[in-house]
Amino acid sequence: MAEQLSPLLPGIVAPDFTLPRSSYAAVSLTDFRGRRVILVFYPADWEPVSQEQLTLYQHHLAAFGRLGAVLLAVSIDQHRCHRAFARATGIAYPLLADAHPQGAVSRAYGAYDDQAGASARALFVLDEYGIIRWSYTGPAAINPGVGGILTALEAVVGEEADV
């Protein structure tokens, strides 16, 4: 259950990873060094709360971009499932397959629910250096929305402006 998870805390360097986006393309976290990154771990593509959450994030991509952030979403679904889901929902950002070995990246972030056998609902905001600046893990049945993400990104932008 989500309350038993131990997500990585702010101040820690985010573990690097390379995950498939499709059968011919992979995405590495290091590809985004120099940019802020929002990492979204979610249980499954077609699960109703995940669908609501991920389509909400699609509608806020421009706001994330204005704050210098890219969005990466991770679940244990295969890339073929991600492709069908993205087409059906209009999602344009990368959906990454944490399938082999199942949940390895989710586990590295403390965002794998062993009881469910899937990624938990967890969010991480990383700065340009790959440092976790904010993390959140919540119940699988609740959409965490965008408020926490936007607040965390605005704080990072504000800190940089003060330097």
C-alpha atoms as a PDB file:
ATOM      1  CA  MET A   1       0.000   0.000   0.000  1.00  0.00           C
ATOM      2  CA  ALA A   2       1.125   3.577  -0.660  1.00  0.00           C
ATOM      3  CA  GLU A   3       1.541   4.387   3.043  1.00  0.00           C
ATOM      4  CA  GLN A   4       4.201   1.649   3.300  1.00  0.00           C
ATOM      5  CA  LEU A   5       6.270   3.043   0.451  1.00  0.00           C
ATOM      6  CA  SER A   6       9.454   5.022   1.015  1.00  0.00           C
ATOM      7  CA  PRO A   7       9.869   7.405  -1.909  1.00  0.00           C
ATOM      8  CA  LEU A   8      13.230   9.076  -2.342  1.00  0.00           C
ATOM      9  CA  LEU A   9      13.370  12.353  -0.471  1.00  0.00           C
ATOM     10  CA  PRO A  10      14.320  15.830  -1.671  1.00  0.00           C
ATOM     11  CA  GLY A  11      18.046  16.500  -1.770  1.00  0.00           C
ATOM     12  CA  ILE A  12      18.938  13.095  -3.230  1.00  0.00           C
ATOM     13  CA  VAL A  13      20.367  12.721  -6.732  1.00  0.00           C
ATOM     14  CA  ALA A  14      17.713  10.960  -8.807  1.00  0.00           C
ATOM     15  CA  PRO A  15      18.779   7.503  -9.977  1.00  0.00           C
ATOM     16  CA  ASP A  16      19.533   7.451 -13.680  1.00  0.00           C
ATOM     17  CA  PHE A  17      17.587   5.105 -15.918  1.00  0.00           C
ATOM     18  CA  THR A  18      16.984   4.212 -19.527  1.00  0.00           C
ATOM     19  CA  LEU A  19      13.524   2.886 -20.403  1.00  0.00           C
ATOM     20  CA  PRO A  20      11.838   2.047 -23.697  1.00  0.00           C
ATOM     21  CA  ARG A  21       9.372   4.530 -25.141  1.00  0.00           C
ATOM     22  CA  SER A  22       8.721   2.335 -28.158  1.00  0.00           C
ATOM     23  CA  SER A  23      10.198  -0.725 -29.824  1.00  0.00           C
ATOM     24  CA  TYR A  24      12.797   1.498 -31.504  1.00  0.00           C
ATOM     25  CA  ALA A  25      13.395   4.348 -29.013  1.00  0.00           C
ATOM     26  CA  ALA A  26      14.472   4.643 -25.404  1.00  0.00           C
ATOM     27  CA  VAL A  27      14.603   7.587 -23.026  1.00  0.00           C
ATOM     28  CA  SER A  28      17.327   8.191 -20.447  1.00  0.00           C
ATOM     29  CA  LEU A  29      17.028  10.571 -17.546  1.00  0.00           C
ATOM     30  CA  THR A  30      20.445  11.993 -18.463  1.00  0.00           C
ATOM     31  CA  ASP A  31      18.953  13.088 -21.806  1.00  0.00           C
ATOM     32  CA  PHE A  32      17.234  15.857 -19.814  1.00  0.00           C
ATOM     33  CA  ARG A  33      20.178  17.118 -17.760  1.00  0.00           C
ATOM     34  CA  GLY A  34      20.012  20.885 -17.767  1.00  0.00           C
ATOM     35  CA  ARG A  35      16.197  20.832 -17.678  1.00  0.00           C
ATOM     36  CA  ARG A  36      13.743  20.338 -14.865  1.00  0.00           C
ATOM     37  CA  VAL A  37      11.983  16.977 -14.957  1.00  0.00           C
ATOM     38  CA  ILE A  38       8.640  15.854 -13.598  1.00  0.00           C
ATOM     39  CA  LEU A  39       8.645  12.086 -13.054  1.00  0.00           C
ATOM     40  CA  VAL A  40       5.215  10.515 -12.736  1.00  0.00           C
ATOM     41  CA  PHE A  41       4.896   6.910 -11.585  1.00  0.00           C
ATOM     42  CA  TYR A  42       1.413   5.446 -12.031  1.00  0.00           C
ATOM     43  CA  PRO A  43      -0.222   1.998 -11.751  1.00  0.00           C
ATOM     44  CA  ALA A  44      -1.488   1.315 -15.293  1.00  0.00           C
ATOM     45  CA  ASP A  45      -2.427   3.014 -18.549  1.00  0.00           C
ATOM     46  CA  TRP A  46      -6.106   2.112 -18.743  1.00  0.00           C
ATOM     47  CA  GLU A  47      -6.784   2.346 -15.004  1.00  0.00           C
ATOM     48  CA  PRO A  48      -9.409   5.137 -14.604  1.00  0.00           C
ATOM     49  CA  VAL A  49      -7.559   7.339 -12.086  1.00  0.00           C
ATOM     50  CA  SER A  50      -4.330   7.066 -14.083  1.00  0.00           C
ATOM     51  CA  GLN A  51      -6.157   8.006 -17.261  1.00  0.00           C
ATOM     52  CA  GLU A  52      -7.670  11.049 -15.534  1.00  0.00           C
ATOM     53  CA  GLN A  53      -4.298  12.035 -14.037  1.00  0.00           C
ATOM     54  CA  LEU A  54      -2.279  11.647 -17.222  1.00  0.00           C
ATOM     55  CA  THR A  55      -4.766  13.494 -19.425  1.00  0.00           C
ATOM     56  CA  LEU A  56      -4.827  16.308 -16.845  1.00  0.00           C
ATOM     57  CA  TYR A  57      -1.044  16.572 -17.179  1.00  0.00           C
ATOM     58  CA  GLN A  58      -1.373  16.705 -20.980  1.00  0.00           C
ATOM     59  CA  HIS A  59      -3.593  19.774 -20.556  1.00  0.00           C
ATOM     60  CA  HIS A  60      -0.921  21.412 -18.356  1.00  0.00           C
ATOM     61  CA  LEU A  61       2.132  20.671 -20.540  1.00  0.00           C
ATOM     62  CA  ALA A  62       2.405  24.314 -21.615  1.00  0.00           C
ATOM     63  CA  ALA A  63       2.450  25.473 -17.973  1.00  0.00           C
ATOM     64  CA  PHE A  64       5.128  22.900 -17.153  1.00  0.00           C
ATOM     65  CA  GLY A  65       7.125  24.043 -20.185  1.00  0.00           C
ATOM     66  CA  ARG A  66       6.915  27.708 -19.120  1.00  0.00           C
ATOM     67  CA  LEU A  67       8.542  26.606 -15.866  1.00  0.00           C
ATOM     68  CA  GLY A  68      11.306  24.850 -17.824  1.00  0.00           C
ATOM     69  CA  ALA A  69      10.119  21.309 -17.122  1.00  0.00           C
ATOM     70  CA  VAL A  70       9.548  18.188 -19.176  1.00  0.00           C
ATOM     71  CA  LEU A  71       7.229  15.389 -18.089  1.00  0.00           C
ATOM     72  CA  LEU A  72       8.056  11.679 -18.115  1.00  0.00           C
ATOM     73  CA  ALA A  73       5.490   9.081 -17.031  1.00  0.00           C
ATOM     74  CA  VAL A  74       6.451   5.559 -15.945  1.00  0.00           C
ATOM     75  CA  SER A  75       4.442   2.382 -15.399  1.00  0.00           C
ATOM     76  CA  ILE A  76       5.061  -1.335 -15.785  1.00  0.00           C
ATOM     77  CA  ASP A  77       2.900  -1.498 -18.929  1.00  0.00           C
ATOM     78  CA  GLN A  78       4.600  -2.548 -22.159  1.00  0.00           C
ATOM     79  CA  HIS A  79       5.389   0.119 -24.775  1.00  0.00           C
ATOM     80  CA  ARG A  80       2.695  -1.279 -27.119  1.00  0.00           C
ATOM     81  CA  CYS A  81       0.089  -0.628 -24.449  1.00  0.00           C
ATOM     82  CA  HIS A  82       1.522   2.863 -23.908  1.00  0.00           C
ATOM     83  CA  ARG A  83       1.282   3.596 -27.636  1.00  0.00           C
ATOM     84  CA  ALA A  84      -2.400   2.588 -27.813  1.00  0.00           C
ATOM     85  CA  PHE A  85      -3.202   4.494 -24.632  1.00  0.00           C
ATOM     86  CA  ALA A  86      -1.417   7.657 -25.824  1.00  0.00           C
ATOM     87  CA  ARG A  87      -3.277   7.558 -29.141  1.00  0.00           C
ATOM     88  CA  ALA A  88      -6.651   7.075 -27.439  1.00  0.00           C
ATOM     89  CA  THR A  89      -6.105   9.877 -24.900  1.00  0.00           C
ATOM     90  CA  GLY A  90      -4.073  12.382 -26.935  1.00  0.00           C
ATOM     91  CA  ILE A  91      -1.020  12.170 -24.681  1.00  0.00           C
ATOM     92  CA  ALA A  92       2.093  13.564 -26.364  1.00  0.00           C
ATOM     93  CA  TYR A  93       4.715  13.238 -23.609  1.00  0.00           C
ATOM     94  CA  PRO A  94       6.783  10.052 -23.126  1.00  0.00           C
ATOM     95  CA  LEU A  95       5.139   7.054 -21.455  1.00  0.00           C
ATOM     96  CA  LEU A  96       7.979   4.772 -20.415  1.00  0.00           C
ATOM     97  CA  ALA A  97       7.840   1.003 -19.935  1.00  0.00           C
ATOM     98  CA  ASP A  98       9.313  -0.122 -16.605  1.00  0.00           C
ATOM     99  CA  ALA A  99       8.622  -3.730 -17.587  1.00  0.00           C
ATOM    100  CA  HIS A 100      11.947  -5.608 -17.705  1.00  0.00           C
ATOM    101  CA  PRO A 101      12.733  -6.319 -14.989  1.00  0.00           C
ATOM    102  CA  GLN A 102       9.264  -5.401 -13.794  1.00  0.00           C
ATOM    103  CA  GLY A 103       9.270  -2.227 -11.737  1.00  0.00           C
ATOM    104  CA  ALA A 104      13.062  -1.865 -11.464  1.00  0.00           C
ATOM    105  CA  VAL A 105      13.020   1.923 -11.895  1.00  0.00           C
ATOM    106  CA  SER A 106       9.925   2.315  -9.726  1.00  0.00           C
ATOM    107  CA  ARG A 107      11.709   0.333  -7.006  1.00  0.00           C
ATOM    108  CA  ALA A 108      14.828   2.530  -7.320  1.00  0.00           C
ATOM    109  CA  TYR A 109      12.628   5.560  -6.564  1.00  0.00           C
ATOM    110  CA  GLY A 110      10.778   3.827  -3.714  1.00  0.00           C
ATOM    111  CA  ALA A 111       7.629   3.960  -5.820  1.00  0.00           C
ATOM    112  CA  TYR A 112       6.791   0.291  -6.375  1.00  0.00           C
ATOM    113  CA  ASP A 113       3.817  -1.281  -4.653  1.00  0.00           C
ATOM    114  CA  ASP A 114       4.739  -4.925  -4.081  1.00  0.00           C
ATOM    115  CA  GLN A 115       1.234  -5.787  -2.948  1.00  0.00           C
ATOM    116  CA  ALA A 116      -0.313  -4.445  -6.164  1.00  0.00           C
ATOM    117  CA  GLY A 117       2.561  -5.640  -8.365  1.00  0.00           C
ATOM    118  CA  ALA A 118       2.706  -2.244 -10.057  1.00  0.00           C
ATOM    119  CA  SER A 119       4.083   1.246  -9.766  1.00  0.00           C
ATOM    120  CA  ALA A 120       2.506   3.312  -7.030  1.00  0.00           C
ATOM    121  CA  ARG A 121       1.069   6.766  -7.664  1.00  0.00           C
ATOM    122  CA  ALA A 122       4.167   8.896  -7.028  1.00  0.00           C
ATOM    123  CA  LEU A 123       5.526  12.211  -8.274  1.00  0.00           C
ATOM    124  CA  PHE A 124       9.021  13.660  -8.296  1.00  0.00           C
ATOM    125  CA  VAL A 125      10.260  17.083  -9.399  1.00  0.00           C
ATOM    126  CA  LEU A 126      13.952  17.192 -10.331  1.00  0.00           C
ATOM    127  CA  ASP A 127      16.055  20.287 -10.878  1.00  0.00           C
ATOM    128  CA  GLU A 128      18.459  20.852 -13.765  1.00  0.00           C
ATOM    129  CA  TYR A 129      21.169  18.883 -11.960  1.00  0.00           C
ATOM    130  CA  GLY A 130      19.033  15.802 -11.391  1.00  0.00           C
ATOM    131  CA  ILE A 131      18.462  16.537  -7.698  1.00  0.00           C
ATOM    132  CA  ILE A 132      15.052  15.592  -6.331  1.00  0.00           C
ATOM    133  CA  ARG A 133      13.463  18.815  -5.136  1.00  0.00           C
ATOM    134  CA  TRP A 134      10.004  17.463  -4.248  1.00  0.00           C
ATOM    135  CA  SER A 135       8.393  14.048  -3.953  1.00  0.00           C
ATOM    136  CA  TYR A 136       4.888  12.820  -3.285  1.00  0.00           C
ATOM    137  CA  THR A 137       3.312   9.395  -2.921  1.00  0.00           C
ATOM    138  CA  GLY A 138      -0.419   9.075  -2.572  1.00  0.00           C
ATOM    139  CA  PRO A 139      -3.240   6.566  -2.589  1.00  0.00           C
ATOM    140  CA  ALA A 140      -3.777   4.744  -5.874  1.00  0.00           C
ATOM    141  CA  ALA A 141      -7.451   5.748  -5.886  1.00  0.00           C
ATOM    142  CA  ILE A 142      -6.787   9.512  -5.780  1.00  0.00           C
ATOM    143  CA  ASN A 143      -5.594  11.759  -8.601  1.00  0.00           C
ATOM    144  CA  PRO A 144      -2.888  14.001  -7.077  1.00  0.00           C
ATOM    145  CA  GLY A 145      -3.624  16.807  -9.546  1.00  0.00           C
ATOM    146  CA  VAL A 146      -1.131  19.449 -10.650  1.00  0.00           C
ATOM    147  CA  GLY A 147      -0.991  21.795  -7.633  1.00  0.00           C
ATOM    148  CA  GLY A 148       1.964  20.151  -5.901  1.00  0.00           C
ATOM    149  CA  ILE A 149       3.939  19.895  -9.127  1.00  0.00           C
ATOM    150  CA  LEU A 150       3.392  23.543 -10.031  1.00  0.00           C
ATOM    151  CA  THR A 151       4.220  24.733  -6.511  1.00  0.00           C
ATOM    152  CA  ALA A 152       7.446  22.685  -6.497  1.00  0.00           C
ATOM    153  CA  LEU A 153       8.483  23.969  -9.943  1.00  0.00           C
ATOM    154  CA  GLU A 154       7.731  27.571  -8.984  1.00  0.00           C
ATOM    155  CA  ALA A 155       9.871  27.156  -5.853  1.00  0.00           C
ATOM    156  CA  VAL A 156      12.803  25.871  -7.922  1.00  0.00           C
ATOM    157  CA  VAL A 157      12.431  28.761 -10.386  1.00  0.00           C
ATOM    158  CA  GLY A 158      12.197  31.238  -7.478  1.00  0.00           C
ATOM    159  CA  GLU A 159      15.340  29.879  -5.818  1.00  0.00           C
ATOM    160  CA  GLU A 160      17.272  30.219  -9.059  1.00  0.00           C
ATOM    161  CA  ALA A 161      16.055  33.790  -9.496  1.00  0.00           C
ATOM    162  CA  ASP A 162      17.356  34.629  -6.013  1.00  0.00           C
ATOM    163  CA  VAL A 163      20.855  33.385  -6.851  1.00  0.00           C
END
